[in-house]
PDB file of N, CA and C in Angstrom:
ATOM      1  N   UNK A   1     190.355  61.093 105.548  1.00  0.00           N
ATOM      2  CA  UNK A   1     190.240  61.908 106.368  1.00  0.00           C
ATOM      3  C   UNK A   1     188.922  62.108 106.216  1.00  0.00           C
ATOM      4  N   UNK A   2     188.710  61.909 104.893  1.00  0.00           N
ATOM      5  CA  UNK A   2     187.452  61.934 104.663  1.00  0.00           C
ATOM      6  C   UNK A   2     185.888  61.077 105.420  1.00  0.00           C
ATOM      7  N   UNK A   3     186.283  60.060 106.152  1.00  0.00           N
ATOM      8  CA  UNK A   3     185.152  59.181 106.770  1.00  0.00           C
ATOM      9  C   UNK A   3     186.161  59.621 108.429  1.00  0.00           C
ATOM     10  N   UNK A   4     186.603  60.772 108.430  1.00  0.00           N
ATOM     11  CA  UNK A   4     186.290  61.258 110.162  1.00  0.00           C
ATOM     12  C   UNK A   4     185.560  61.626 110.619  1.00  0.00           C
ATOM     13  N   UNK A   5     185.161  62.002 111.976  1.00  0.00           N
ATOM     14  CA  UNK A   5     183.982  62.601 112.323  1.00  0.00           C
ATOM     15  C   UNK A   5     184.845  63.311 113.878  1.00  0.00           C
ATOM     16  N   UNK A   6     184.555  64.577 114.501  1.00  0.00           N
ATOM     17  CA  UNK A   6     184.427  64.531 115.480  1.00  0.00           C
ATOM     18  C   UNK A   6     183.435  64.942 116.633  1.00  0.00           C
ATOM     19  N   UNK A   7     183.424  63.698 117.190  1.00  0.00           N
ATOM     20  CA  UNK A   7     182.714  64.560 119.005  1.00  0.00           C
ATOM     21  C   UNK A   7     183.373  64.876 119.401  1.00  0.00           C
ATOM     22  N   UNK A   8     182.798  65.032 120.796  1.00  0.00           N
ATOM     23  CA  UNK A   8     182.439  65.835 122.319  1.00  0.00           C
ATOM     24  C   UNK A   8     182.148  64.654 123.037  1.00  0.00           C
ATOM     25  N   UNK A   9     183.716  64.330 123.420  1.00  0.00           N
ATOM     26  CA  UNK A   9     184.242  63.762 125.139  1.00  0.00           C
ATOM     27  C   UNK A   9     183.716  64.670 126.027  1.00  0.00           C
ATOM     28  N   UNK A  10     182.910  63.804 127.557  1.00  0.00           N
ATOM     29  CA  UNK A  10     183.255  64.851 128.578  1.00  0.00           C
ATOM     30  C   UNK A  10     184.968  63.988 129.418  1.00  0.00           C
ATOM     31  N   UNK A  11     184.656  64.682 130.116  1.00  0.00           N
ATOM     32  CA  UNK A  11     186.690  64.332 130.277  1.00  0.00           C
ATOM     33  C   UNK A  11     187.150  63.315 131.353  1.00  0.00           C
ATOM     34  N   UNK A  12     186.107  62.072 132.356  1.00  0.00           N
ATOM     35  CA  UNK A  12     185.849  61.701 132.253  1.00  0.00           C
ATOM     36  C   UNK A  12     185.209  60.190 132.098  1.00  0.00           C
ATOM     37  N   UNK A  13     185.408  60.237 130.675  1.00  0.00           N
ATOM     38  CA  UNK A  13     184.461  59.540 129.950  1.00  0.00           C
ATOM     39  C   UNK A  13     186.125  59.388 129.113  1.00  0.00           C
ATOM     40  N   UNK A  14     186.714  59.880 129.113  1.00  0.00           N
ATOM     41  CA  UNK A  14     187.893  59.869 128.415  1.00  0.00           C
ATOM     42  C   UNK A  14     188.794  58.804 129.499  1.00  0.00           C
ATOM     43  N   UNK A  15     189.205  59.462 130.549  1.00  0.00           N
ATOM     44  CA  UNK A  15     189.682  58.708 131.690  1.00  0.00           C
ATOM     45  C   UNK A  15     189.212  57.373 131.884  1.00  0.00           C
ATOM     46  N   UNK A  16     188.003  56.763 131.638  1.00  0.00           N
ATOM     47  CA  UNK A  16     187.310  55.670 131.083  1.00  0.00           C
ATOM     48  C   UNK A  16     187.643  55.315 130.606  1.00  0.00           C
ATOM     49  N   UNK A  17     188.209  55.192 129.487  1.00  0.00           N
ATOM     50  CA  UNK A  17     188.778  54.678 128.077  1.00  0.00           C
ATOM     51  C   UNK A  17     190.053  54.804 127.811  1.00  0.00           C
ATOM     52  N   UNK A  18     190.707  55.942 128.527  1.00  0.00           N
ATOM     53  CA  UNK A  18     191.482  55.755 128.839  1.00  0.00           C
ATOM     54  C   UNK A  18     192.696  54.089 130.114  1.00  0.00           C
ATOM     55  N   UNK A  19     191.176  54.332 131.025  1.00  0.00           N
ATOM     56  CA  UNK A  19     191.798  52.982 131.890  1.00  0.00           C
ATOM     57  C   UNK A  19     191.577  51.209 131.591  1.00  0.00           C
ATOM     58  N   UNK A  20     190.631  51.163 129.886  1.00  0.00           N
ATOM     59  CA  UNK A  20     189.608  50.436 128.934  1.00  0.00           C
ATOM     60  C   UNK A  20     191.187  50.364 127.974  1.00  0.00           C
ATOM     61  N   UNK A  21     192.071  51.092 127.625  1.00  0.00           N
ATOM     62  CA  UNK A  21     192.861  50.157 127.142  1.00  0.00           C
ATOM     63  C   UNK A  21     193.563  49.099 127.259  1.00  0.00           C
ATOM     64  N   UNK A  22     193.549  48.023 125.988  1.00  0.00           N
ATOM     65  CA  UNK A  22     194.863  46.930 126.482  1.00  0.00           C
ATOM     66  C   UNK A  22     195.832  47.130 126.519  1.00  0.00           C
ATOM     67  N   UNK A  23     196.227  48.156 125.645  1.00  0.00           N
ATOM     68  CA  UNK A  23     197.600  49.116 125.811  1.00  0.00           C
ATOM     69  C   UNK A  23     198.336  50.212 125.514  1.00  0.00           C
ATOM     70  N   UNK A  24     198.352  51.103 125.282  1.00  0.00           N
ATOM     71  CA  UNK A  24     198.840  52.038 125.433  1.00  0.00           C
ATOM     72  C   UNK A  24     198.592  52.610 124.139  1.00  0.00           C
ATOM     73  N   UNK A  25     199.272  52.073 123.463  1.00  0.00           N
ATOM     74  CA  UNK A  25     199.381  53.123 122.256  1.00  0.00           C
ATOM     75  C   UNK A  25     198.077  52.544 121.092  1.00  0.00           C
ATOM     76  N   UNK A  26     196.783  52.037 122.235  1.00  0.00           N
ATOM     77  CA  UNK A  26     195.739  51.900 120.616  1.00  0.00           C
ATOM     78  C   UNK A  26     195.375  52.712 120.767  1.00  0.00           C
ATOM     79  N   UNK A  27     194.131  53.019 119.879  1.00  0.00           N
ATOM     80  CA  UNK A  27     194.044  54.437 119.701  1.00  0.00           C
ATOM     81  C   UNK A  27     192.305  54.312 120.141  1.00  0.00           C
ATOM     82  N   UNK A  28     191.341  56.021 120.205  1.00  0.00           N
ATOM     83  CA  UNK A  28     190.983  55.316 120.720  1.00  0.00           C
ATOM     84  C   UNK A  28     189.165  54.966 119.970  1.00  0.00           C
ATOM     85  N   UNK A  29     190.151  54.968 118.018  1.00  0.00           N
ATOM     86  CA  UNK A  29     188.890  54.396 117.959  1.00  0.00           C
ATOM     87  C   UNK A  29     189.091  52.558 117.375  1.00  0.00           C
ATOM     88  N   UNK A  30     190.390  52.795 117.968  1.00  0.00           N
ATOM     89  CA  UNK A  30     190.470  50.637 117.780  1.00  0.00           C
ATOM     90  C   UNK A  30     189.367  50.491 118.970  1.00  0.00           C
ATOM     91  N   UNK A  31     189.690  50.921 120.680  1.00  0.00           N
ATOM     92  CA  UNK A  31     188.953  50.786 120.856  1.00  0.00           C
ATOM     93  C   UNK A  31     187.559  50.710 121.094  1.00  0.00           C
ATOM     94  N   UNK A  32     187.211  52.371 120.416  1.00  0.00           N
ATOM     95  CA  UNK A  32     185.462  52.389 120.591  1.00  0.00           C
ATOM     96  C   UNK A  32     185.151  51.400 119.543  1.00  0.00           C
ATOM     97  N   UNK A  33     186.056  50.811 118.789  1.00  0.00           N
ATOM     98  CA  UNK A  33     185.079  49.989 117.833  1.00  0.00           C
ATOM     99  C   UNK A  33     185.306  47.932 118.756  1.00  0.00           C
ATOM    100  N   UNK A  34     186.289  48.254 119.214  1.00  0.00           N
ATOM    101  CA  UNK A  34     186.124  46.569 119.721  1.00  0.00           C
ATOM    102  C   UNK A  34     184.673  46.610 120.899  1.00  0.00           C
ATOM    103  N   UNK A  35     184.759  47.890 121.655  1.00  0.00           N
ATOM    104  CA  UNK A  35     183.751  48.172 122.906  1.00  0.00           C
ATOM    105  C   UNK A  35     182.107  47.391 121.517  1.00  0.00           C
ATOM    106  N   UNK A  36     181.930  48.192 121.418  1.00  0.00           N
ATOM    107  CA  UNK A  36     181.053  48.479 120.166  1.00  0.00           C
ATOM    108  C   UNK A  36     180.305  47.277 119.886  1.00  0.00           C
ATOM    109  N   UNK A  37     181.589  46.824 119.138  1.00  0.00           N
ATOM    110  CA  UNK A  37     181.549  44.953 118.981  1.00  0.00           C
ATOM    111  C   UNK A  37     180.861  44.401 119.894  1.00  0.00           C
ATOM    112  N   UNK A  38     181.964  44.207 121.063  1.00  0.00           N
ATOM    113  CA  UNK A  38     181.273  43.427 122.433  1.00  0.00           C
ATOM    114  C   UNK A  38     180.156  44.044 122.574  1.00  0.00           C
ATOM    115  N   UNK A  39     179.012  45.369 122.483  1.00  0.00           N
ATOM    116  CA  UNK A  39     178.614  45.296 122.871  1.00  0.00           C
ATOM    117  C   UNK A  39     177.161  44.419 122.580  1.00  0.00           C
ATOM    118  N   UNK A  40     176.920  44.687 121.236  1.00  0.00           N
ATOM    119  CA  UNK A  40     176.152  44.480 120.324  1.00  0.00           C
ATOM    120  C   UNK A  40     176.610  42.585 120.893  1.00  0.00           C
ATOM    121  N   UNK A  41     177.219  41.700 119.801  1.00  0.00           N
ATOM    122  CA  UNK A  41     177.478  39.896 120.986  1.00  0.00           C
ATOM    123  C   UNK A  41     176.800  40.040 121.848  1.00  0.00           C
ATOM    124  N   UNK A  42     176.296  41.140 123.161  1.00  0.00           N
ATOM    125  CA  UNK A  42     176.591  40.924 123.832  1.00  0.00           C
ATOM    126  C   UNK A  42     174.364  41.259 124.975  1.00  0.00           C
ATOM    127  N   UNK A  43     174.514  42.717 123.725  1.00  0.00           N
ATOM    128  CA  UNK A  43     172.616  42.571 123.740  1.00  0.00           C
ATOM    129  C   UNK A  43     171.866  41.527 123.162  1.00  0.00           C
ATOM    130  N   UNK A  44     172.086  40.774 121.696  1.00  0.00           N
ATOM    131  CA  UNK A  44     172.334  39.732 120.816  1.00  0.00           C
ATOM    132  C   UNK A  44     172.093  38.212 122.241  1.00  0.00           C
ATOM    133  N   UNK A  45     172.878  37.810 122.755  1.00  0.00           N
ATOM    134  CA  UNK A  45     173.271  37.095 123.487  1.00  0.00           C
ATOM    135  C   UNK A  45     171.633  37.258 124.992  1.00  0.00           C
ATOM    136  N   UNK A  46     171.739  38.733 124.740  1.00  0.00           N
ATOM    137  CA  UNK A  46     171.519  38.308 125.817  1.00  0.00           C
ATOM    138  C   UNK A  46     169.797  38.717 125.684  1.00  0.00           C
ATOM    139  N   UNK A  47     168.716  39.330 124.316  1.00  0.00           N
ATOM    140  CA  UNK A  47     167.435  39.158 123.943  1.00  0.00           C
ATOM    141  C   UNK A  47     167.810  37.789 124.068  1.00  0.00           C
ATOM    142  N   UNK A  48     168.735  36.751 123.485  1.00  0.00           N
ATOM    143  CA  UNK A  48     168.135  34.839 123.648  1.00  0.00           C
ATOM    144  C   UNK A  48     168.722  34.917 124.506  1.00  0.00           C
ATOM    145  N   UNK A  49     168.653  35.390 125.759  1.00  0.00           N
ATOM    146  CA  UNK A  49     168.424  34.626 127.224  1.00  0.00           C
ATOM    147  C   UNK A  49     167.019  35.105 127.735  1.00  0.00           C
ATOM    148  N   UNK A  50     166.903  36.524 127.510  1.00  0.00           N
ATOM    149  CA  UNK A  50     165.540  36.701 127.982  1.00  0.00           C
ATOM    150  C   UNK A  50     164.016  35.971 127.375  1.00  0.00           C
ATOM    151  N   UNK A  51     164.024  35.655 125.170  1.00  0.00           N
ATOM    152  CA  UNK A  51     164.275  34.700 124.763  1.00  0.00           C
ATOM    153  C   UNK A  51     163.665  33.558 125.684  1.00  0.00           C
ATOM    154  N   UNK A  52     165.337  32.801 125.778  1.00  0.00           N
ATOM    155  CA  UNK A  52     164.410  31.292 126.687  1.00  0.00           C
ATOM    156  C   UNK A  52     163.976  31.462 128.120  1.00  0.00           C
ATOM    157  N   UNK A  53     164.343  32.609 129.149  1.00  0.00           N
ATOM    158  CA  UNK A  53     163.746  32.748 129.992  1.00  0.00           C
ATOM    159  C   UNK A  53     161.603  32.450 130.023  1.00  0.00           C
ATOM    160  N   UNK A  54     161.653  33.515 128.419  1.00  0.00           N
ATOM    161  CA  UNK A  54     160.492  33.623 128.257  1.00  0.00           C
ATOM    162  C   UNK A  54     159.049  32.077 128.084  1.00  0.00           C
ATOM    163  N   UNK A  55     160.354  31.703 127.764  1.00  0.00           N
ATOM    164  CA  UNK A  55     159.000  30.455 126.710  1.00  0.00           C
ATOM    165  C   UNK A  55     159.755  29.338 128.670  1.00  0.00           C
ATOM    166  N   UNK A  56     160.552  29.804 129.330  1.00  0.00           N
ATOM    167  CA  UNK A  56     160.529  28.434 129.799  1.00  0.00           C
ATOM    168  C   UNK A  56     159.112  28.948 131.413  1.00  0.00           C
ATOM    169  N   UNK A  57     159.008  29.853 131.053  1.00  0.00           N
ATOM    170  CA  UNK A  57     158.363  30.274 131.973  1.00  0.00           C
ATOM    171  C   UNK A  57     156.235  29.888 133.144  1.00  0.00           C
ATOM    172  N   UNK A  58     156.163  29.379 131.417  1.00  0.00           N
ATOM    173  CA  UNK A  58     155.028  28.021 131.605  1.00  0.00           C
ATOM    174  C   UNK A  58     154.963  26.961 132.699  1.00  0.00           C
ATOM    175  N   UNK A  59     156.537  26.449 132.219  1.00  0.00           N
ATOM    176  CA  UNK A  59     156.563  24.550 132.124  1.00  0.00           C
ATOM    177  C   UNK A  59     157.018  25.628 133.900  1.00  0.00           C
ATOM    178  N   UNK A  60     157.657  25.969 133.896  1.00  0.00           N
ATOM    179  CA  UNK A  60     158.929  26.493 135.477  1.00  0.00           C
ATOM    180  C   UNK A  60     156.586  26.316 136.714  1.00  0.00           C
ATOM    181  N   UNK A  61     156.422  27.011 136.633  1.00  0.00           N
ATOM    182  CA  UNK A  61     155.334  27.766 137.025  1.00  0.00           C
ATOM    183  C   UNK A  61     154.790  26.259 136.959  1.00  0.00           C
ATOM    184  N   UNK A  62     154.538  25.703 136.532  1.00  0.00           N
ATOM    185  CA  UNK A  62     153.631  24.268 136.422  1.00  0.00           C
ATOM    186  C   UNK A  62     154.665  23.381 137.546  1.00  0.00           C
ATOM    187  N   UNK A  63     155.553  22.973 137.264  1.00  0.00           N
ATOM    188  CA  UNK A  63     156.208  22.142 137.524  1.00  0.00           C
ATOM    189  C   UNK A  63     155.803  23.265 139.423  1.00  0.00           C
ATOM    190  N   UNK A  64     156.496  24.515 139.957  1.00  0.00           N
ATOM    191  CA  UNK A  64     156.339  24.732 141.075  1.00  0.00           C
ATOM    192  C   UNK A  64     155.196  25.365 141.533  1.00  0.00           C
ATOM    193  N   UNK A  65     154.529  24.927 140.602  1.00  0.00           N
ATOM    194  CA  UNK A  65     153.243  25.385 141.488  1.00  0.00           C
ATOM    195  C   UNK A  65     152.347  23.658 141.025  1.00  0.00           C
ATOM    196  N   UNK A  66     152.510  23.693 142.359  1.00  0.00           N
ATOM    197  CA  UNK A  66     151.455  21.684 141.997  1.00  0.00           C
ATOM    198  C   UNK A  66     151.271  21.618 143.916  1.00  0.00           C
ATOM    199  N   UNK A  67     150.684  20.678 143.731  1.00  0.00           N
ATOM    200  CA  UNK A  67     149.835  20.448 145.424  1.00  0.00           C
ATOM    201  C   UNK A  67     151.114  19.789 146.420  1.00  0.00           C
ATOM    202  N   UNK A  68     151.374  19.255 145.444  1.00  0.00           N
ATOM    203  CA  UNK A  68     153.007  18.063 145.689  1.00  0.00           C
ATOM    204  C   UNK A  68     153.772  19.064 146.811  1.00  0.00           C
ATOM    205  N   UNK A  69     154.154  20.053 146.401  1.00  0.00           N
ATOM    206  CA  UNK A  69     154.989  21.188 146.146  1.00  0.00           C
ATOM    207  C   UNK A  69     154.047  21.690 147.970  1.00  0.00           C
ATOM    208  N   UNK A  70     153.057  22.122 147.652  1.00  0.00           N
ATOM    209  CA  UNK A  70     152.658  22.838 149.017  1.00  0.00           C
ATOM    210  C   UNK A  70     152.856  22.194 150.533  1.00  0.00           C
ATOM    211  N   UNK A  71     152.479  20.386 150.040  1.00  0.00           N
ATOM    212  CA  UNK A  71     153.184  19.756 152.053  1.00  0.00           C
ATOM    213  C   UNK A  71     154.324  20.221 152.119  1.00  0.00           C
ATOM    214  N   UNK A  72     155.658  20.084 151.744  1.00  0.00           N
ATOM    215  CA  UNK A  72     156.386  20.897 152.200  1.00  0.00           C
ATOM    216  C   UNK A  72     156.448  21.581 153.323  1.00  0.00           C
ATOM    217  N   UNK A  73     155.671  22.960 152.837  1.00  0.00           N
ATOM    218  CA  UNK A  73     155.709  24.020 153.168  1.00  0.00           C
ATOM    219  C   UNK A  73     154.987  24.434 154.778  1.00  0.00           C
ATOM    220  N   UNK A  74     154.380  22.529 155.099  1.00  0.00           N
ATOM    221  CA  UNK A  74     153.880  22.468 156.438  1.00  0.00           C
ATOM    222  C   UNK A  74     154.825  21.532 157.186  1.00  0.00           C
ATOM    223  N   UNK A  75     156.042  21.169 156.734  1.00  0.00           N
ATOM    224  CA  UNK A  75     157.322  21.010 157.538  1.00  0.00           C
ATOM    225  C   UNK A  75     157.608  21.836 158.070  1.00  0.00           C
TER     226      UNK A  75
END
């Protein structure tokens, strides 16, 4: 019990946590650990996607902003 703590959570969040459980006997501690790990992975993936998007922007501008493509606007 030395590593345990108490946190206050709104009742509506508790209801969401109940819905998110994989099985009825899953503890909130297990669920929150799984959610936190998943969130960290998604955050890292999103940072990578943002990085790729930023480095691709100059090339995309080069490809899309040219006189040859403007010809198609008049058709």
